[in-house]
N, C-alpha and C. Protein backbone atom coordinates (compact mmCIF):
# COMPACT_ATOMS: atom_id res chain seq x y z
N MET A 1 3.01 -190.41 136.47
CA MET A 1 2.61 -190.28 135.09
C MET A 1 1.86 -191.55 134.68
N SER A 2 0.71 -191.40 134.06
CA SER A 2 -0.09 -192.58 133.70
C SER A 2 0.27 -193.06 132.30
N ASP A 3 0.07 -194.36 132.10
CA ASP A 3 0.36 -194.95 130.80
C ASP A 3 -0.90 -195.12 129.97
N ALA A 4 -1.98 -194.46 130.37
CA ALA A 4 -3.24 -194.56 129.64
C ALA A 4 -3.05 -193.91 128.27
N PRO A 5 -3.62 -194.54 127.24
CA PRO A 5 -3.49 -193.95 125.90
C PRO A 5 -4.25 -192.62 125.81
N ARG A 6 -3.70 -191.73 125.04
CA ARG A 6 -4.31 -190.42 124.85
C ARG A 6 -5.55 -190.56 123.97
N GLU A 7 -6.62 -189.89 124.37
CA GLU A 7 -7.85 -189.90 123.59
C GLU A 7 -7.64 -189.06 122.33
N THR A 8 -7.93 -189.63 121.16
CA THR A 8 -7.75 -188.89 119.91
C THR A 8 -8.96 -189.08 119.00
N ILE A 9 -9.03 -188.23 117.98
CA ILE A 9 -10.11 -188.27 116.99
C ILE A 9 -9.54 -187.73 115.69
N ARG A 10 -10.13 -188.12 114.57
CA ARG A 10 -9.70 -187.59 113.27
C ARG A 10 -9.90 -186.08 113.22
N LEU A 11 -8.98 -185.38 112.58
CA LEU A 11 -9.02 -183.92 112.51
C LEU A 11 -10.30 -183.43 111.83
N ASP A 12 -10.65 -184.00 110.68
CA ASP A 12 -11.85 -183.55 109.98
C ASP A 12 -13.11 -183.80 110.80
N LYS A 13 -13.14 -184.92 111.51
CA LYS A 13 -14.30 -185.25 112.34
C LYS A 13 -14.41 -184.28 113.52
N TRP A 14 -13.27 -183.91 114.12
CA TRP A 14 -13.32 -182.97 115.24
C TRP A 14 -13.80 -181.59 114.78
N LEU A 15 -13.29 -181.12 113.64
CA LEU A 15 -13.73 -179.81 113.12
C LEU A 15 -15.24 -179.81 112.85
N TRP A 16 -15.77 -180.93 112.41
CA TRP A 16 -17.21 -181.05 112.15
C TRP A 16 -17.97 -181.12 113.47
N HIS A 17 -17.47 -181.91 114.44
CA HIS A 17 -18.12 -182.01 115.76
C HIS A 17 -18.18 -180.64 116.43
N ALA A 18 -17.11 -179.87 116.31
CA ALA A 18 -17.03 -178.56 116.97
C ALA A 18 -17.80 -177.48 116.19
N ARG A 19 -18.46 -177.88 115.13
CA ARG A 19 -19.33 -177.01 114.32
C ARG A 19 -18.60 -175.85 113.64
N PHE A 20 -17.36 -176.08 113.23
CA PHE A 20 -16.67 -175.08 112.43
C PHE A 20 -17.05 -175.22 110.96
N PHE A 21 -17.49 -176.42 110.55
CA PHE A 21 -17.90 -176.67 109.17
C PHE A 21 -19.22 -177.41 109.17
N LYS A 22 -20.05 -177.15 108.15
CA LYS A 22 -21.38 -177.75 108.07
C LYS A 22 -21.34 -179.24 107.78
N SER A 23 -20.31 -179.67 107.08
CA SER A 23 -20.22 -181.09 106.76
C SER A 23 -18.79 -181.56 106.96
N ARG A 24 -18.67 -182.86 107.13
CA ARG A 24 -17.34 -183.43 107.34
C ARG A 24 -16.51 -183.32 106.06
N SER A 25 -17.16 -183.41 104.90
CA SER A 25 -16.42 -183.29 103.65
C SER A 25 -15.87 -181.88 103.44
N LEU A 26 -16.58 -180.86 103.90
CA LEU A 26 -16.05 -179.49 103.83
C LEU A 26 -14.82 -179.35 104.73
N ALA A 27 -14.89 -179.93 105.91
CA ALA A 27 -13.75 -179.91 106.83
C ALA A 27 -12.56 -180.64 106.22
N ALA A 28 -12.81 -181.81 105.62
CA ALA A 28 -11.74 -182.58 104.99
C ALA A 28 -11.13 -181.81 103.83
N GLY A 29 -11.94 -181.07 103.09
CA GLY A 29 -11.44 -180.27 101.97
C GLY A 29 -10.48 -179.19 102.41
N VAL A 30 -10.78 -178.53 103.52
CA VAL A 30 -9.90 -177.49 104.04
C VAL A 30 -8.58 -178.11 104.51
N VAL A 31 -8.67 -179.29 105.14
CA VAL A 31 -7.46 -179.95 105.64
C VAL A 31 -6.59 -180.42 104.47
N THR A 32 -7.19 -181.08 103.49
CA THR A 32 -6.40 -181.60 102.36
C THR A 32 -5.83 -180.47 101.50
N ALA A 33 -6.42 -179.30 101.56
CA ALA A 33 -5.87 -178.15 100.83
C ALA A 33 -4.65 -177.59 101.54
N GLY A 34 -4.32 -178.11 102.71
CA GLY A 34 -3.15 -177.67 103.44
C GLY A 34 -3.33 -176.38 104.19
N LYS A 35 -4.58 -176.04 104.54
CA LYS A 35 -4.86 -174.77 105.19
C LYS A 35 -4.97 -174.88 106.71
N VAL A 36 -4.75 -176.09 107.25
CA VAL A 36 -4.86 -176.28 108.70
C VAL A 36 -3.49 -176.59 109.28
N ARG A 37 -3.21 -176.03 110.46
CA ARG A 37 -1.97 -176.32 111.19
C ARG A 37 -2.34 -176.92 112.53
N VAL A 38 -1.62 -177.96 112.92
CA VAL A 38 -1.78 -178.57 114.23
C VAL A 38 -0.47 -178.35 114.97
N ASN A 39 -0.54 -177.63 116.08
CA ASN A 39 0.64 -177.28 116.86
C ASN A 39 1.72 -176.64 115.97
N SER A 40 1.31 -175.70 115.14
CA SER A 40 2.17 -174.93 114.22
C SER A 40 2.75 -175.73 113.07
N GLN A 41 2.34 -176.98 112.90
CA GLN A 41 2.83 -177.81 111.79
C GLN A 41 1.73 -177.95 110.74
N PRO A 42 2.01 -177.65 109.47
CA PRO A 42 0.99 -177.81 108.42
C PRO A 42 0.56 -179.27 108.30
N VAL A 43 -0.73 -179.48 108.08
CA VAL A 43 -1.29 -180.82 107.97
C VAL A 43 -2.06 -180.89 106.66
N SER A 44 -1.92 -182.01 105.94
CA SER A 44 -2.67 -182.15 104.69
C SER A 44 -3.48 -183.44 104.65
N LYS A 45 -3.52 -184.18 105.76
CA LYS A 45 -4.31 -185.41 105.81
C LYS A 45 -5.45 -185.25 106.81
N ALA A 46 -6.67 -185.48 106.33
CA ALA A 46 -7.85 -185.35 107.18
C ALA A 46 -7.88 -186.41 108.27
N SER A 47 -7.14 -187.49 108.07
CA SER A 47 -7.14 -188.58 109.05
C SER A 47 -6.15 -188.34 110.19
N ARG A 48 -5.48 -187.21 110.22
CA ARG A 48 -4.51 -186.89 111.28
C ARG A 48 -5.22 -186.93 112.62
N ALA A 49 -4.67 -187.64 113.59
CA ALA A 49 -5.27 -187.76 114.92
C ALA A 49 -4.93 -186.53 115.75
N VAL A 50 -5.96 -185.96 116.38
CA VAL A 50 -5.77 -184.83 117.28
C VAL A 50 -6.44 -185.16 118.60
N GLY A 51 -6.00 -184.49 119.65
CA GLY A 51 -6.56 -184.73 120.97
C GLY A 51 -6.46 -183.50 121.84
N PRO A 52 -6.83 -183.65 123.10
CA PRO A 52 -6.77 -182.51 124.02
C PRO A 52 -5.37 -181.90 124.08
N GLU A 53 -5.35 -180.57 124.23
CA GLU A 53 -4.14 -179.76 124.30
C GLU A 53 -3.51 -179.47 122.94
N ASP A 54 -4.00 -180.04 121.84
CA ASP A 54 -3.51 -179.67 120.51
C ASP A 54 -4.08 -178.29 120.16
N VAL A 55 -3.29 -177.49 119.45
CA VAL A 55 -3.72 -176.16 119.02
C VAL A 55 -3.89 -176.18 117.51
N LEU A 56 -5.08 -175.80 117.04
CA LEU A 56 -5.39 -175.78 115.60
C LEU A 56 -5.45 -174.34 115.12
N THR A 57 -4.92 -174.12 113.93
CA THR A 57 -5.00 -172.81 113.27
C THR A 57 -5.53 -173.05 111.87
N PHE A 58 -6.64 -172.38 111.51
CA PHE A 58 -7.24 -172.58 110.20
C PHE A 58 -8.07 -171.36 109.81
N PRO A 59 -8.27 -171.16 108.50
CA PRO A 59 -9.09 -170.03 108.04
C PRO A 59 -10.57 -170.37 108.17
N LYS A 60 -11.35 -169.39 108.59
CA LYS A 60 -12.81 -169.54 108.67
C LYS A 60 -13.42 -168.24 108.23
N GLU A 61 -14.10 -168.26 107.08
CA GLU A 61 -14.67 -167.08 106.45
C GLU A 61 -13.56 -166.04 106.23
N ASP A 62 -13.67 -164.85 106.81
CA ASP A 62 -12.66 -163.81 106.59
C ASP A 62 -11.62 -163.76 107.70
N ASP A 63 -11.71 -164.66 108.67
CA ASP A 63 -10.83 -164.63 109.83
C ASP A 63 -9.95 -165.87 109.89
N VAL A 64 -8.98 -165.83 110.77
CA VAL A 64 -8.14 -167.00 111.07
C VAL A 64 -8.49 -167.43 112.49
N LYS A 65 -8.88 -168.68 112.64
CA LYS A 65 -9.24 -169.22 113.95
C LYS A 65 -8.04 -169.92 114.57
N VAL A 66 -7.85 -169.70 115.85
CA VAL A 66 -6.84 -170.41 116.63
C VAL A 66 -7.57 -170.99 117.83
N VAL A 67 -7.63 -172.32 117.93
CA VAL A 67 -8.36 -172.96 119.02
C VAL A 67 -7.51 -174.05 119.67
N ARG A 68 -7.69 -174.21 120.97
CA ARG A 68 -7.04 -175.29 121.71
C ARG A 68 -8.11 -176.32 122.01
N ILE A 69 -7.84 -177.56 121.65
CA ILE A 69 -8.80 -178.64 121.87
C ILE A 69 -8.83 -178.97 123.36
N ILE A 70 -10.05 -179.01 123.92
CA ILE A 70 -10.23 -179.38 125.32
C ILE A 70 -10.70 -180.83 125.42
N ALA A 71 -11.61 -181.23 124.50
CA ALA A 71 -12.14 -182.59 124.51
C ALA A 71 -12.37 -183.05 123.07
N CYS A 72 -12.42 -184.35 122.89
CA CYS A 72 -12.62 -184.90 121.54
C CYS A 72 -14.08 -184.88 121.11
N GLY A 73 -14.98 -185.11 122.02
CA GLY A 73 -16.39 -185.14 121.68
C GLY A 73 -16.81 -186.49 121.15
N VAL A 74 -18.09 -186.82 121.36
CA VAL A 74 -18.60 -188.12 120.95
C VAL A 74 -19.56 -187.98 119.78
N ARG A 75 -20.18 -186.81 119.68
CA ARG A 75 -21.18 -186.60 118.62
C ARG A 75 -21.18 -185.13 118.22
N ARG A 76 -21.89 -184.85 117.14
CA ARG A 76 -22.06 -183.46 116.71
C ARG A 76 -23.35 -182.96 117.35
N GLY A 77 -23.22 -182.41 118.53
CA GLY A 77 -24.38 -181.97 119.29
C GLY A 77 -24.72 -180.52 119.04
N PRO A 78 -25.55 -179.96 119.92
CA PRO A 78 -25.94 -178.55 119.79
C PRO A 78 -24.74 -177.62 120.03
N ALA A 79 -24.90 -176.37 119.67
CA ALA A 79 -23.82 -175.39 119.74
C ALA A 79 -23.17 -175.29 121.12
N PRO A 80 -23.94 -175.22 122.23
CA PRO A 80 -23.27 -175.13 123.54
C PRO A 80 -22.37 -176.34 123.82
N GLU A 81 -22.80 -177.50 123.39
CA GLU A 81 -22.00 -178.72 123.57
C GLU A 81 -20.73 -178.64 122.71
N ALA A 82 -20.86 -178.13 121.50
CA ALA A 82 -19.72 -178.00 120.59
C ALA A 82 -18.72 -176.98 121.12
N GLN A 83 -19.20 -175.88 121.69
CA GLN A 83 -18.31 -174.84 122.21
C GLN A 83 -17.54 -175.32 123.43
N ALA A 84 -18.01 -176.35 124.10
CA ALA A 84 -17.29 -176.90 125.25
C ALA A 84 -16.11 -177.76 124.82
N LEU A 85 -15.98 -178.04 123.52
CA LEU A 85 -14.89 -178.88 123.02
C LEU A 85 -13.58 -178.13 122.83
N TYR A 86 -13.63 -176.78 122.84
CA TYR A 86 -12.43 -176.01 122.53
C TYR A 86 -12.39 -174.71 123.30
N GLU A 87 -11.19 -174.13 123.33
CA GLU A 87 -10.97 -172.79 123.89
C GLU A 87 -10.53 -171.91 122.72
N ASP A 88 -11.26 -170.85 122.48
CA ASP A 88 -10.95 -169.96 121.36
C ASP A 88 -9.83 -169.01 121.75
N MET A 89 -8.72 -169.07 121.03
CA MET A 89 -7.56 -168.20 121.29
C MET A 89 -7.33 -167.27 120.11
N SER A 90 -8.32 -167.09 119.26
CA SER A 90 -8.18 -166.26 118.06
C SER A 90 -7.95 -164.80 118.42
N PRO A 91 -7.16 -164.10 117.62
CA PRO A 91 -7.01 -162.66 117.85
C PRO A 91 -8.32 -161.95 117.55
N ALA A 92 -8.48 -160.78 118.14
CA ALA A 92 -9.70 -160.01 117.91
C ALA A 92 -9.82 -159.67 116.42
N PRO A 93 -11.01 -159.84 115.84
CA PRO A 93 -11.16 -159.54 114.42
C PRO A 93 -11.01 -158.05 114.13
N ALA A 94 -10.48 -157.75 112.97
CA ALA A 94 -10.33 -156.35 112.54
C ALA A 94 -11.71 -155.78 112.27
N PRO A 95 -11.89 -154.47 112.49
CA PRO A 95 -13.20 -153.87 112.20
C PRO A 95 -13.54 -154.05 110.72
N LYS A 96 -14.77 -154.41 110.47
CA LYS A 96 -15.22 -154.67 109.10
C LYS A 96 -15.51 -153.37 108.38
N GLN A 97 -15.03 -153.27 107.16
CA GLN A 97 -15.30 -152.12 106.31
C GLN A 97 -16.42 -152.52 105.34
N PRO A 98 -17.32 -151.59 105.02
CA PRO A 98 -18.35 -151.94 104.05
C PRO A 98 -17.71 -152.26 102.71
N ARG A 99 -18.23 -153.27 102.05
CA ARG A 99 -17.64 -153.71 100.78
C ARG A 99 -17.97 -152.76 99.62
N ASN A 100 -19.17 -152.24 99.59
CA ASN A 100 -19.58 -151.36 98.51
C ASN A 100 -20.19 -150.09 99.10
N PRO A 101 -20.03 -148.96 98.42
CA PRO A 101 -20.67 -147.75 98.93
C PRO A 101 -22.18 -147.89 98.86
N ARG A 102 -22.85 -147.25 99.81
CA ARG A 102 -24.32 -147.32 99.84
C ARG A 102 -24.92 -146.15 99.07
N TYR A 103 -26.08 -146.37 98.50
CA TYR A 103 -26.82 -145.33 97.79
C TYR A 103 -27.41 -144.37 98.81
N GLU A 104 -27.12 -143.08 98.66
CA GLU A 104 -27.58 -142.09 99.63
C GLU A 104 -28.78 -141.30 99.16
N GLY A 105 -29.36 -141.68 98.08
CA GLY A 105 -30.57 -141.01 97.61
C GLY A 105 -30.31 -139.74 96.83
N GLY A 106 -29.07 -139.44 96.50
CA GLY A 106 -28.75 -138.24 95.74
C GLY A 106 -29.00 -138.46 94.26
N GLY A 107 -28.60 -137.51 93.47
CA GLY A 107 -28.76 -137.64 92.03
C GLY A 107 -29.88 -136.77 91.51
N ARG A 108 -30.26 -137.02 90.30
CA ARG A 108 -31.29 -136.22 89.64
C ARG A 108 -32.65 -136.47 90.27
N PRO A 109 -33.42 -135.39 90.58
CA PRO A 109 -34.74 -135.58 91.17
C PRO A 109 -35.72 -136.15 90.14
N THR A 110 -36.66 -136.92 90.62
CA THR A 110 -37.69 -137.47 89.74
C THR A 110 -38.75 -136.40 89.49
N GLY A 111 -39.65 -136.67 88.56
CA GLY A 111 -40.73 -135.73 88.28
C GLY A 111 -41.59 -135.49 89.51
N ARG A 112 -41.82 -136.55 90.28
CA ARG A 112 -42.62 -136.42 91.49
C ARG A 112 -41.93 -135.48 92.49
N ASP A 113 -40.59 -135.65 92.63
CA ASP A 113 -39.83 -134.78 93.54
C ASP A 113 -39.94 -133.31 93.10
N ARG A 114 -39.84 -133.05 91.81
CA ARG A 114 -39.92 -131.67 91.31
C ARG A 114 -41.31 -131.08 91.57
N ARG A 115 -42.36 -131.88 91.36
CA ARG A 115 -43.71 -131.37 91.62
C ARG A 115 -43.91 -131.05 93.09
N LYS A 116 -43.37 -131.90 93.98
CA LYS A 116 -43.48 -131.62 95.42
C LYS A 116 -42.75 -130.32 95.78
N ARG A 117 -41.56 -130.14 95.22
CA ARG A 117 -40.78 -128.93 95.50
C ARG A 117 -41.52 -127.69 94.99
N ASP A 118 -42.06 -127.80 93.77
CA ASP A 118 -42.80 -126.66 93.21
C ASP A 118 -44.04 -126.34 94.04
N GLN A 119 -44.73 -127.37 94.54
CA GLN A 119 -45.92 -127.17 95.37
C GLN A 119 -45.54 -126.46 96.67
N LEU A 120 -44.42 -126.84 97.25
CA LEU A 120 -43.97 -126.21 98.51
C LEU A 120 -43.62 -124.75 98.28
N THR A 121 -42.98 -124.43 97.16
CA THR A 121 -42.62 -123.04 96.92
C THR A 121 -43.88 -122.19 96.62
N ARG A 122 -44.87 -122.78 95.96
CA ARG A 122 -46.12 -122.04 95.71
C ARG A 122 -46.86 -121.81 97.02
N ASP A 123 -46.90 -122.81 97.90
CA ASP A 123 -47.58 -122.67 99.19
C ASP A 123 -46.87 -121.67 100.10
N ALA A 124 -45.56 -121.53 99.93
CA ALA A 124 -44.79 -120.61 100.75
C ALA A 124 -44.92 -119.16 100.27
N GLY A 125 -45.60 -118.95 99.17
CA GLY A 125 -45.84 -117.59 98.68
C GLY A 125 -44.93 -117.19 97.56
N GLY A 126 -43.98 -118.03 97.19
CA GLY A 126 -43.07 -117.70 96.10
C GLY A 126 -43.63 -118.20 94.79
N SER A 127 -42.97 -117.88 93.73
CA SER A 127 -43.37 -118.34 92.42
C SER A 127 -42.57 -119.57 92.07
N ALA A 128 -43.20 -120.51 91.39
CA ALA A 128 -42.52 -121.73 91.00
C ALA A 128 -41.53 -121.46 89.88
N LEU A 129 -41.63 -120.34 89.18
CA LEU A 129 -40.76 -120.06 88.05
C LEU A 129 -39.61 -119.13 88.40
N GLU A 130 -39.41 -118.81 89.66
CA GLU A 130 -38.34 -117.90 90.05
C GLU A 130 -36.99 -118.51 89.91
């Protein structure tokens, strides 16, 4: 067993490096609101040190993310570099339901629609007044 110190980084900084939040202040806001758990323990300080093998649970948009930290990271790099910092253990998202019903084009016909219908019935040999 080695006595080397464990590599750690601030929780808010790691969430920002891993590209879960656009800014470090947004990440810190989620942490201070008490919405993040580290190894199943609620955390409310953005300065909490995290490192490899820690498991984070936090809300992201409409889902709950569960990730295991693989590396601390040195910078906020491109997405492939950020995705190498963690292993995603999140449950499969539930199928999304549409939020609002869509307009299907029904309802009262416009004057143009009525004229087209009348023209088709006249061309078909029928009377428009039947």
